[in-house]
Amino acid sequence: MNKMENEKTRTLMSLKELALLGDGEVAYIKQLDSDAATELFPALDDAPEGIDLFAVLGADGTPIALTDSRNAAIANALENDLVPVSVH
């Protein structure tokens, strides 16, 4: 197959489809500072400063949990039958 045929047959994924990829199967673990944690979790009144925080996010970016331990974040994902994946 030449390059032109390959480009014609390739199906593009929409942003919505990309966001849902892994939905209900994958949890992203993301390290956050206190400002980012407060932004992502608006119900959080005062995020502790000077410590690493770890968010568990759904495949579409929906916040699931927040903890001060990477291992706890991974455990949370596993308890919810999700495959944890680190985001940098």
PDB file of N, CA and C in Angstrom:
ATOM      1  N   MET A   1       0.859  -1.174   0.000  1.00  0.00           N
ATOM      2  CA  MET A   1       0.000   0.000   0.000  1.00  0.00           C
ATOM      3  C   MET A   1       0.899   1.230   0.000  1.00  0.00           C
ATOM      4  N   ASN A   2       0.634   2.141  -0.907  1.00  0.00           N
ATOM      5  CA  ASN A   2       1.459   3.348  -0.937  1.00  0.00           C
ATOM      6  C   ASN A   2       0.935   4.372   0.071  1.00  0.00           C
ATOM      7  N   LYS A   3       1.708   5.429   0.238  1.00  0.00           N
ATOM      8  CA  LYS A   3       1.391   6.438   1.262  1.00  0.00           C
ATOM      9  C   LYS A   3       0.024   7.074   1.036  1.00  0.00           C
ATOM     10  N   MET A   4      -0.319   7.366  -0.218  1.00  0.00           N
ATOM     11  CA  MET A   4      -1.583   8.013  -0.512  1.00  0.00           C
ATOM     12  C   MET A   4      -2.763   7.096  -0.166  1.00  0.00           C
ATOM     13  N   GLU A   5      -2.668   5.808  -0.509  1.00  0.00           N
ATOM     14  CA  GLU A   5      -3.737   4.867  -0.160  1.00  0.00           C
ATOM     15  C   GLU A   5      -3.865   4.748   1.355  1.00  0.00           C
ATOM     16  N   ASN A   6      -2.739   4.725   2.053  1.00  0.00           N
ATOM     17  CA  ASN A   6      -2.748   4.610   3.502  1.00  0.00           C
ATOM     18  C   ASN A   6      -3.452   5.814   4.130  1.00  0.00           C
ATOM     19  N   GLU A   7      -3.194   7.012   3.617  1.00  0.00           N
ATOM     20  CA  GLU A   7      -3.827   8.218   4.147  1.00  0.00           C
ATOM     21  C   GLU A   7      -5.328   8.223   3.876  1.00  0.00           C
ATOM     22  N   LYS A   8      -5.748   7.668   2.760  1.00  0.00           N
ATOM     23  CA  LYS A   8      -7.172   7.624   2.433  1.00  0.00           C
ATOM     24  C   LYS A   8      -7.925   6.625   3.299  1.00  0.00           C
ATOM     25  N   THR A   9      -7.283   5.546   3.678  1.00  0.00           N
ATOM     26  CA  THR A   9      -7.971   4.500   4.430  1.00  0.00           C
ATOM     27  C   THR A   9      -7.875   4.687   5.943  1.00  0.00           C
ATOM     28  N   ARG A  10      -7.046   5.596   6.372  1.00  0.00           N
ATOM     29  CA  ARG A  10      -6.875   5.832   7.807  1.00  0.00           C
ATOM     30  C   ARG A  10      -8.104   6.556   8.360  1.00  0.00           C
ATOM     31  N   THR A  11      -8.628   6.049   9.463  1.00  0.00           N
ATOM     32  CA  THR A  11      -9.763   6.668  10.127  1.00  0.00           C
ATOM     33  C   THR A  11      -9.250   7.496  11.289  1.00  0.00           C
ATOM     34  N   LEU A  12      -9.665   8.736  11.337  1.00  0.00           N
ATOM     35  CA  LEU A  12      -9.246   9.612  12.424  1.00  0.00           C
ATOM     36  C   LEU A  12     -10.202   9.478  13.598  1.00  0.00           C
ATOM     37  N   MET A  13      -9.661   9.627  14.789  1.00  0.00           N
ATOM     38  CA  MET A  13     -10.441   9.537  16.010  1.00  0.00           C
ATOM     39  C   MET A  13     -10.776  10.952  16.476  1.00  0.00           C
ATOM     40  N   SER A  14     -12.019  11.152  16.873  1.00  0.00           N
ATOM     41  CA  SER A  14     -12.402  12.474  17.377  1.00  0.00           C
ATOM     42  C   SER A  14     -11.820  12.675  18.775  1.00  0.00           C
ATOM     43  N   LEU A  15     -11.794  13.921  19.221  1.00  0.00           N
ATOM     44  CA  LEU A  15     -11.305  14.211  20.571  1.00  0.00           C
ATOM     45  C   LEU A  15     -12.158  13.518  21.621  1.00  0.00           C
ATOM     46  N   LYS A  16     -13.458  13.450  21.388  1.00  0.00           N
ATOM     47  CA  LYS A  16     -14.350  12.782  22.335  1.00  0.00           C
ATOM     48  C   LYS A  16     -14.035  11.284  22.391  1.00  0.00           C
ATOM     49  N   GLU A  17     -13.832  10.670  21.229  1.00  0.00           N
ATOM     50  CA  GLU A  17     -13.487   9.246  21.194  1.00  0.00           C
ATOM     51  C   GLU A  17     -12.153   9.004  21.892  1.00  0.00           C
ATOM     52  N   LEU A  18     -11.203   9.898  21.675  1.00  0.00           N
ATOM     53  CA  LEU A  18      -9.905   9.779  22.326  1.00  0.00           C
ATOM     54  C   LEU A  18     -10.051   9.886  23.843  1.00  0.00           C
ATOM     55  N   ALA A  19     -10.872  10.816  24.306  1.00  0.00           N
ATOM     56  CA  ALA A  19     -11.078  11.005  25.744  1.00  0.00           C
ATOM     57  C   ALA A  19     -11.728   9.783  26.382  1.00  0.00           C
ATOM     58  N   LEU A  20     -12.550   9.083  25.626  1.00  0.00           N
ATOM     59  CA  LEU A  20     -13.247   7.913  26.165  1.00  0.00           C
ATOM     60  C   LEU A  20     -12.455   6.619  26.014  1.00  0.00           C
ATOM     61  N   LEU A  21     -11.329   6.693  25.331  1.00  0.00           N
ATOM     62  CA  LEU A  21     -10.496   5.519  25.146  1.00  0.00           C
ATOM     63  C   LEU A  21     -10.030   5.019  26.508  1.00  0.00           C
ATOM     64  N   GLY A  22     -10.373   3.819  26.835  1.00  0.00           N
ATOM     65  CA  GLY A  22     -10.002   3.267  28.129  1.00  0.00           C
ATOM     66  C   GLY A  22     -10.982   3.593  29.235  1.00  0.00           C
ATOM     67  N   ASP A  23     -12.105   4.258  28.896  1.00  0.00           N
ATOM     68  CA  ASP A  23     -13.087   4.635  29.909  1.00  0.00           C
ATOM     69  C   ASP A  23     -13.594   3.394  30.639  1.00  0.00           C
ATOM     70  N   GLY A  24     -13.537   3.431  31.946  1.00  0.00           N
ATOM     71  CA  GLY A  24     -13.968   2.304  32.754  1.00  0.00           C
ATOM     72  C   GLY A  24     -12.925   1.205  32.867  1.00  0.00           C
ATOM     73  N   GLU A  25     -11.773   1.413  32.233  1.00  0.00           N
ATOM     74  CA  GLU A  25     -10.714   0.402  32.252  1.00  0.00           C
ATOM     75  C   GLU A  25      -9.389   0.947  32.766  1.00  0.00           C
ATOM     76  N   VAL A  26      -9.131   2.221  32.510  1.00  0.00           N
ATOM     77  CA  VAL A  26      -7.836   2.830  32.811  1.00  0.00           C
ATOM     78  C   VAL A  26      -8.016   3.974  33.797  1.00  0.00           C
ATOM     79  N   ALA A  27      -7.077   4.095  34.725  1.00  0.00           N
ATOM     80  CA  ALA A  27      -7.024   5.251  35.625  1.00  0.00           C
ATOM     81  C   ALA A  27      -5.642   5.875  35.484  1.00  0.00           C
ATOM     82  N   TYR A  28      -5.622   7.164  35.302  1.00  0.00           N
ATOM     83  CA  TYR A  28      -4.355   7.865  35.184  1.00  0.00           C
ATOM     84  C   TYR A  28      -3.957   8.397  36.554  1.00  0.00           C
ATOM     85  N   ILE A  29      -2.698   8.191  36.904  1.00  0.00           N
ATOM     86  CA  ILE A  29      -2.145   8.682  38.165  1.00  0.00           C
ATOM     87  C   ILE A  29      -1.273   9.888  37.823  1.00  0.00           C
ATOM     88  N   LYS A  30      -1.609  11.031  38.386  1.00  0.00           N
ATOM     89  CA  LYS A  30      -0.883  12.262  38.068  1.00  0.00           C
ATOM     90  C   LYS A  30      -0.416  12.938  39.339  1.00  0.00           C
ATOM     91  N   GLN A  31       0.865  13.283  39.383  1.00  0.00           N
ATOM     92  CA  GLN A  31       1.419  14.006  40.519  1.00  0.00           C
ATOM     93  C   GLN A  31       1.048  15.479  40.384  1.00  0.00           C
ATOM     94  N   LEU A  32       0.596  16.071  41.494  1.00  0.00           N
ATOM     95  CA  LEU A  32       0.133  17.458  41.482  1.00  0.00           C
ATOM     96  C   LEU A  32       0.764  18.259  42.606  1.00  0.00           C
ATOM     97  N   ASP A  33       0.846  19.578  42.405  1.00  0.00           N
ATOM     98  CA  ASP A  33       1.169  20.461  43.523  1.00  0.00           C
ATOM     99  C   ASP A  33      -0.161  20.919  44.125  1.00  0.00           C
ATOM    100  N   SER A  34      -0.118  21.670  45.211  1.00  0.00           N
ATOM    101  CA  SER A  34      -1.349  22.048  45.912  1.00  0.00           C
ATOM    102  C   SER A  34      -2.262  22.915  45.054  1.00  0.00           C
ATOM    103  N   ASP A  35      -1.709  23.801  44.231  1.00  0.00           N
ATOM    104  CA  ASP A  35      -2.536  24.653  43.376  1.00  0.00           C
ATOM    105  C   ASP A  35      -3.296  23.827  42.342  1.00  0.00           C
ATOM    106  N   ALA A  36      -2.597  22.901  41.703  1.00  0.00           N
ATOM    107  CA  ALA A  36      -3.235  22.045  40.702  1.00  0.00           C
ATOM    108  C   ALA A  36      -4.289  21.149  41.345  1.00  0.00           C
ATOM    109  N   ALA A  37      -4.013  20.664  42.557  1.00  0.00           N
ATOM    110  CA  ALA A  37      -4.976  19.819  43.265  1.00  0.00           C
ATOM    111  C   ALA A  37      -6.251  20.593  43.575  1.00  0.00           C
ATOM    112  N   THR A  38      -6.102  21.829  44.029  1.00  0.00           N
ATOM    113  CA  THR A  38      -7.265  22.661  44.346  1.00  0.00           C
ATOM    114  C   THR A  38      -8.077  22.959  43.086  1.00  0.00           C
ATOM    115  N   GLU A  39      -7.398  23.161  41.983  1.00  0.00           N
ATOM    116  CA  GLU A  39      -8.083  23.427  40.719  1.00  0.00           C
ATOM    117  C   GLU A  39      -8.841  22.191  40.240  1.00  0.00           C
ATOM    118  N   LEU A  40      -8.219  21.034  40.358  1.00  0.00           N
ATOM    119  CA  LEU A  40      -8.828  19.795  39.881  1.00  0.00           C
ATOM    120  C   LEU A  40      -9.922  19.284  40.813  1.00  0.00           C
ATOM    121  N   PHE A  41      -9.757  19.551  42.109  1.00  0.00           N
ATOM    122  CA  PHE A  41     -10.726  19.118  43.119  1.00  0.00           C
ATOM    123  C   PHE A  41     -11.264  20.365  43.837  1.00  0.00           C
ATOM    124  N   PRO A  42     -12.234  21.063  43.242  1.00  0.00           N
ATOM    125  CA  PRO A  42     -12.719  22.330  43.799  1.00  0.00           C
ATOM    126  C   PRO A  42     -13.284  22.212  45.218  1.00  0.00           C
ATOM    127  N   ALA A  43     -13.760  21.043  45.603  1.00  0.00           N
ATOM    128  CA  ALA A  43     -14.309  20.864  46.950  1.00  0.00           C
ATOM    129  C   ALA A  43     -13.214  20.856  48.011  1.00  0.00           C
ATOM    130  N   LEU A  44     -11.975  20.734  47.580  1.00  0.00           N
ATOM    131  CA  LEU A  44     -10.837  20.730  48.490  1.00  0.00           C
ATOM    132  C   LEU A  44     -10.620  22.156  48.993  1.00  0.00           C
ATOM    133  N   ASP A  45     -10.817  22.361  50.278  1.00  0.00           N
ATOM    134  CA  ASP A  45     -10.701  23.706  50.834  1.00  0.00           C
ATOM    135  C   ASP A  45      -9.265  24.208  50.839  1.00  0.00           C
ATOM    136  N   ASP A  46      -8.403  23.469  51.491  1.00  0.00           N
ATOM    137  CA  ASP A  46      -7.012  23.878  51.621  1.00  0.00           C
ATOM    138  C   ASP A  46      -6.105  22.691  51.360  1.00  0.00           C
ATOM    139  N   ALA A  47      -5.518  22.658  50.182  1.00  0.00           N
ATOM    140  CA  ALA A  47      -4.583  21.582  49.884  1.00  0.00           C
ATOM    141  C   ALA A  47      -3.293  21.845  50.645  1.00  0.00           C
ATOM    142  N   PRO A  48      -2.740  20.815  51.277  1.00  0.00           N
ATOM    143  CA  PRO A  48      -1.487  21.015  52.005  1.00  0.00           C
ATOM    144  C   PRO A  48      -0.367  21.419  51.048  1.00  0.00           C
ATOM    145  N   GLU A  49       0.436  22.380  51.475  1.00  0.00           N
ATOM    146  CA  GLU A  49       1.531  22.855  50.619  1.00  0.00           C
ATOM    147  C   GLU A  49       2.822  22.139  50.971  1.00  0.00           C
ATOM    148  N   GLY A  50       3.678  22.015  49.990  1.00  0.00           N
ATOM    149  CA  GLY A  50       5.000  21.455  50.218  1.00  0.00           C
ATOM    150  C   GLY A  50       5.071  19.937  50.212  1.00  0.00           C
ATOM    151  N   ILE A  51       3.966  19.270  49.893  1.00  0.00           N
ATOM    152  CA  ILE A  51       4.016  17.811  49.768  1.00  0.00           C
ATOM    153  C   ILE A  51       3.495  17.419  48.393  1.00  0.00           C
ATOM    154  N   ASP A  52       3.933  16.274  47.927  1.00  0.00           N
ATOM    155  CA  ASP A  52       3.438  15.767  46.654  1.00  0.00           C
ATOM    156  C   ASP A  52       2.057  15.172  46.859  1.00  0.00           C
ATOM    157  N   LEU A  53       1.165  15.454  45.934  1.00  0.00           N
ATOM    158  CA  LEU A  53      -0.174  14.877  45.944  1.00  0.00           C
ATOM    159  C   LEU A  53      -0.338  14.087  44.660  1.00  0.00           C
ATOM    160  N   PHE A  54      -1.180  13.069  44.707  1.00  0.00           N
ATOM    161  CA  PHE A  54      -1.384  12.204  43.550  1.00  0.00           C
ATOM    162  C   PHE A  54      -2.876  12.076  43.285  1.00  0.00           C
ATOM    163  N   ALA A  55      -3.270  12.410  42.067  1.00  0.00           N
ATOM    164  CA  ALA A  55      -4.666  12.319  41.660  1.00  0.00           C
ATOM    165  C   ALA A  55      -4.876  11.041  40.869  1.00  0.00           C
ATOM    166  N   VAL A  56      -6.026  10.435  41.087  1.00  0.00           N
ATOM    167  CA  VAL A  56      -6.482   9.315  40.272  1.00  0.00           C
ATOM    168  C   VAL A  56      -7.543   9.904  39.353  1.00  0.00           C
ATOM    169  N   LEU A  57      -7.321   9.788  38.051  1.00  0.00           N
ATOM    170  CA  LEU A  57      -8.211  10.379  37.056  1.00  0.00           C
ATOM    171  C   LEU A  57      -8.761   9.301  36.139  1.00  0.00           C
ATOM    172  N   GLY A  58     -10.028   9.444  35.753  1.00  0.00           N
ATOM    173  CA  GLY A  58     -10.611   8.546  34.769  1.00  0.00           C
ATOM    174  C   GLY A  58      -9.985   8.801  33.411  1.00  0.00           C
ATOM    175  N   ALA A  59     -10.247   7.919  32.477  1.00  0.00           N
ATOM    176  CA  ALA A  59      -9.675   8.044  31.136  1.00  0.00           C
ATOM    177  C   ALA A  59     -10.025   9.376  30.482  1.00  0.00           C
ATOM    178  N   ASP A  60     -11.181   9.932  30.830  1.00  0.00           N
ATOM    179  CA  ASP A  60     -11.596  11.210  30.244  1.00  0.00           C
ATOM    180  C   ASP A  60     -11.133  12.408  31.062  1.00  0.00           C
ATOM    181  N   GLY A  61     -10.345  12.150  32.119  1.00  0.00           N
ATOM    182  CA  GLY A  61      -9.823  13.231  32.955  1.00  0.00           C
ATOM    183  C   GLY A  61     -10.658  13.528  34.177  1.00  0.00           C
ATOM    184  N   THR A  62     -11.743  12.807  34.372  1.00  0.00           N
ATOM    185  CA  THR A  62     -12.598  13.017  35.530  1.00  0.00           C
ATOM    186  C   THR A  62     -11.850  12.661  36.817  1.00  0.00           C
ATOM    187  N   PRO A  63     -11.784  13.575  37.783  1.00  0.00           N
ATOM    188  CA  PRO A  63     -11.110  13.281  39.046  1.00  0.00           C
ATOM    189  C   PRO A  63     -11.847  12.183  39.820  1.00  0.00           C
ATOM    190  N   ILE A  64     -11.103  11.207  40.301  1.00  0.00           N
ATOM    191  CA  ILE A  64     -11.685  10.099  41.060  1.00  0.00           C
ATOM    192  C   ILE A  64     -11.255  10.170  42.520  1.00  0.00           C
ATOM    193  N   ALA A  65      -9.961  10.391  42.753  1.00  0.00           N
ATOM    194  CA  ALA A  65      -9.448  10.400  44.130  1.00  0.00           C
ATOM    195  C   ALA A  65      -8.193  11.247  44.197  1.00  0.00           C
ATOM    196  N   LEU A  66      -7.871  11.680  45.419  1.00  0.00           N
ATOM    197  CA  LEU A  66      -6.660  12.452  45.685  1.00  0.00           C
ATOM    198  C   LEU A  66      -6.018  11.901  46.947  1.00  0.00           C
ATOM    199  N   THR A  67      -4.707  11.711  46.898  1.00  0.00           N
ATOM    200  CA  THR A  67      -3.992  11.171  48.046  1.00  0.00           C
ATOM    201  C   THR A  67      -2.581  11.754  48.091  1.00  0.00           C
ATOM    202  N   ASP A  68      -1.892  11.531  49.197  1.00  0.00           N
ATOM    203  CA  ASP A  68      -0.516  12.020  49.320  1.00  0.00           C
ATOM    204  C   ASP A  68       0.497  10.910  49.075  1.00  0.00           C
ATOM    205  N   SER A  69       0.026   9.792  48.540  1.00  0.00           N
ATOM    206  CA  SER A  69       0.912   8.654  48.297  1.00  0.00           C
ATOM    207  C   SER A  69       0.631   8.062  46.914  1.00  0.00           C
ATOM    208  N   ARG A  70       1.686   7.894  46.137  1.00  0.00           N
ATOM    209  CA  ARG A  70       1.534   7.269  44.818  1.00  0.00           C
ATOM    210  C   ARG A  70       0.994   5.851  44.968  1.00  0.00           C
ATOM    211  N   ASN A  71       1.503   5.118  45.969  1.00  0.00           N
ATOM    212  CA  ASN A  71       1.043   3.744  46.185  1.00  0.00           C
ATOM    213  C   ASN A  71      -0.443   3.699  46.530  1.00  0.00           C
ATOM    214  N   ALA A  72      -0.915   4.665  47.315  1.00  0.00           N
ATOM    215  CA  ALA A  72      -2.337   4.719  47.654  1.00  0.00           C
ATOM    216  C   ALA A  72      -3.175   5.026  46.412  1.00  0.00           C
ATOM    217  N   ALA A  73      -2.664   5.878  45.539  1.00  0.00           N
ATOM    218  CA  ALA A  73      -3.372   6.193  44.300  1.00  0.00           C
ATOM    219  C   ALA A  73      -3.490   4.948  43.421  1.00  0.00           C
ATOM    220  N   ILE A  74      -2.411   4.204  43.325  1.00  0.00           N
ATOM    221  CA  ILE A  74      -2.421   2.965  42.544  1.00  0.00           C
ATOM    222  C   ILE A  74      -3.399   1.965  43.163  1.00  0.00           C
ATOM    223  N   ALA A  75      -3.368   1.839  44.481  1.00  0.00           N
ATOM    224  CA  ALA A  75      -4.279   0.920  45.176  1.00  0.00           C
ATOM    225  C   ALA A  75      -5.733   1.310  44.931  1.00  0.00           C
ATOM    226  N   ASN A  76      -6.018   2.616  44.930  1.00  0.00           N
ATOM    227  CA  ASN A  76      -7.372   3.080  44.670  1.00  0.00           C
ATOM    228  C   ASN A  76      -7.829   2.662  43.278  1.00  0.00           C
ATOM    229  N   ALA A  77      -6.955   2.828  42.291  1.00  0.00           N
ATOM    230  CA  ALA A  77      -7.291   2.425  40.926  1.00  0.00           C
ATOM    231  C   ALA A  77      -7.577   0.923  40.868  1.00  0.00           C
ATOM    232  N   LEU A  78      -6.706   0.143  41.479  1.00  0.00           N
ATOM    233  CA  LEU A  78      -6.875  -1.307  41.452  1.00  0.00           C
ATOM    234  C   LEU A  78      -8.149  -1.744  42.173  1.00  0.00           C
ATOM    235  N   GLU A  79      -8.466  -1.089  43.289  1.00  0.00           N
ATOM    236  CA  GLU A  79      -9.700  -1.407  44.022  1.00  0.00           C
ATOM    237  C   GLU A  79     -10.943  -1.134  43.193  1.00  0.00           C
ATOM    238  N   ASN A  80     -10.831  -0.207  42.259  1.00  0.00           N
ATOM    239  CA  ASN A  80     -11.943   0.129  41.379  1.00  0.00           C
ATOM    240  C   ASN A  80     -11.861  -0.608  40.037  1.00  0.00           C
ATOM    241  N   ASP A  81     -11.058  -1.685  40.018  1.00  0.00           N
ATOM    242  CA  ASP A  81     -10.893  -2.518  38.812  1.00  0.00           C
ATOM    243  C   ASP A  81     -10.420  -1.729  37.602  1.00  0.00           C
ATOM    244  N   LEU A  82      -9.524  -0.770  37.858  1.00  0.00           N
ATOM    245  CA  LEU A  82      -8.938   0.038  36.790  1.00  0.00           C
ATOM    246  C   LEU A  82      -7.454  -0.252  36.694  1.00  0.00           C
ATOM    247  N   VAL A  83      -6.900  -0.172  35.512  1.00  0.00           N
ATOM    248  CA  VAL A  83      -5.474  -0.350  35.303  1.00  0.00           C
ATOM    249  C   VAL A  83      -4.794   1.001  35.488  1.00  0.00           C
ATOM    250  N   PRO A  84      -3.911   1.137  36.491  1.00  0.00           N
ATOM    251  CA  PRO A  84      -3.259   2.431  36.721  1.00  0.00           C
ATOM    252  C   PRO A  84      -2.154   2.700  35.700  1.00  0.00           C
ATOM    253  N   VAL A  85      -2.126   3.931  35.204  1.00  0.00           N
ATOM    254  CA  VAL A  85      -1.114   4.381  34.262  1.00  0.00           C
ATOM    255  C   VAL A  85      -0.615   5.734  34.731  1.00  0.00           C
ATOM    256  N   SER A  86       0.693   5.921  34.788  1.00  0.00           N
ATOM    257  CA  SER A  86       1.249   7.204  35.230  1.00  0.00           C
ATOM    258  C   SER A  86       1.201   8.238  34.116  1.00  0.00           C
ATOM    259  N   VAL A  87       0.892   9.469  34.503  1.00  0.00           N
ATOM    260  CA  VAL A  87       0.901  10.604  33.583  1.00  0.00           C
ATOM    261  C   VAL A  87       1.996  11.544  34.044  1.00  0.00           C
ATOM    262  N   HIS A  88       2.804  11.999  33.122  1.00  0.00           N
ATOM    263  CA  HIS A  88       3.901  12.917  33.479  1.00  0.00           C
ATOM    264  C   HIS A  88       3.647  14.278  32.933  1.00  0.00           C
TER     265      HIS A  88
END
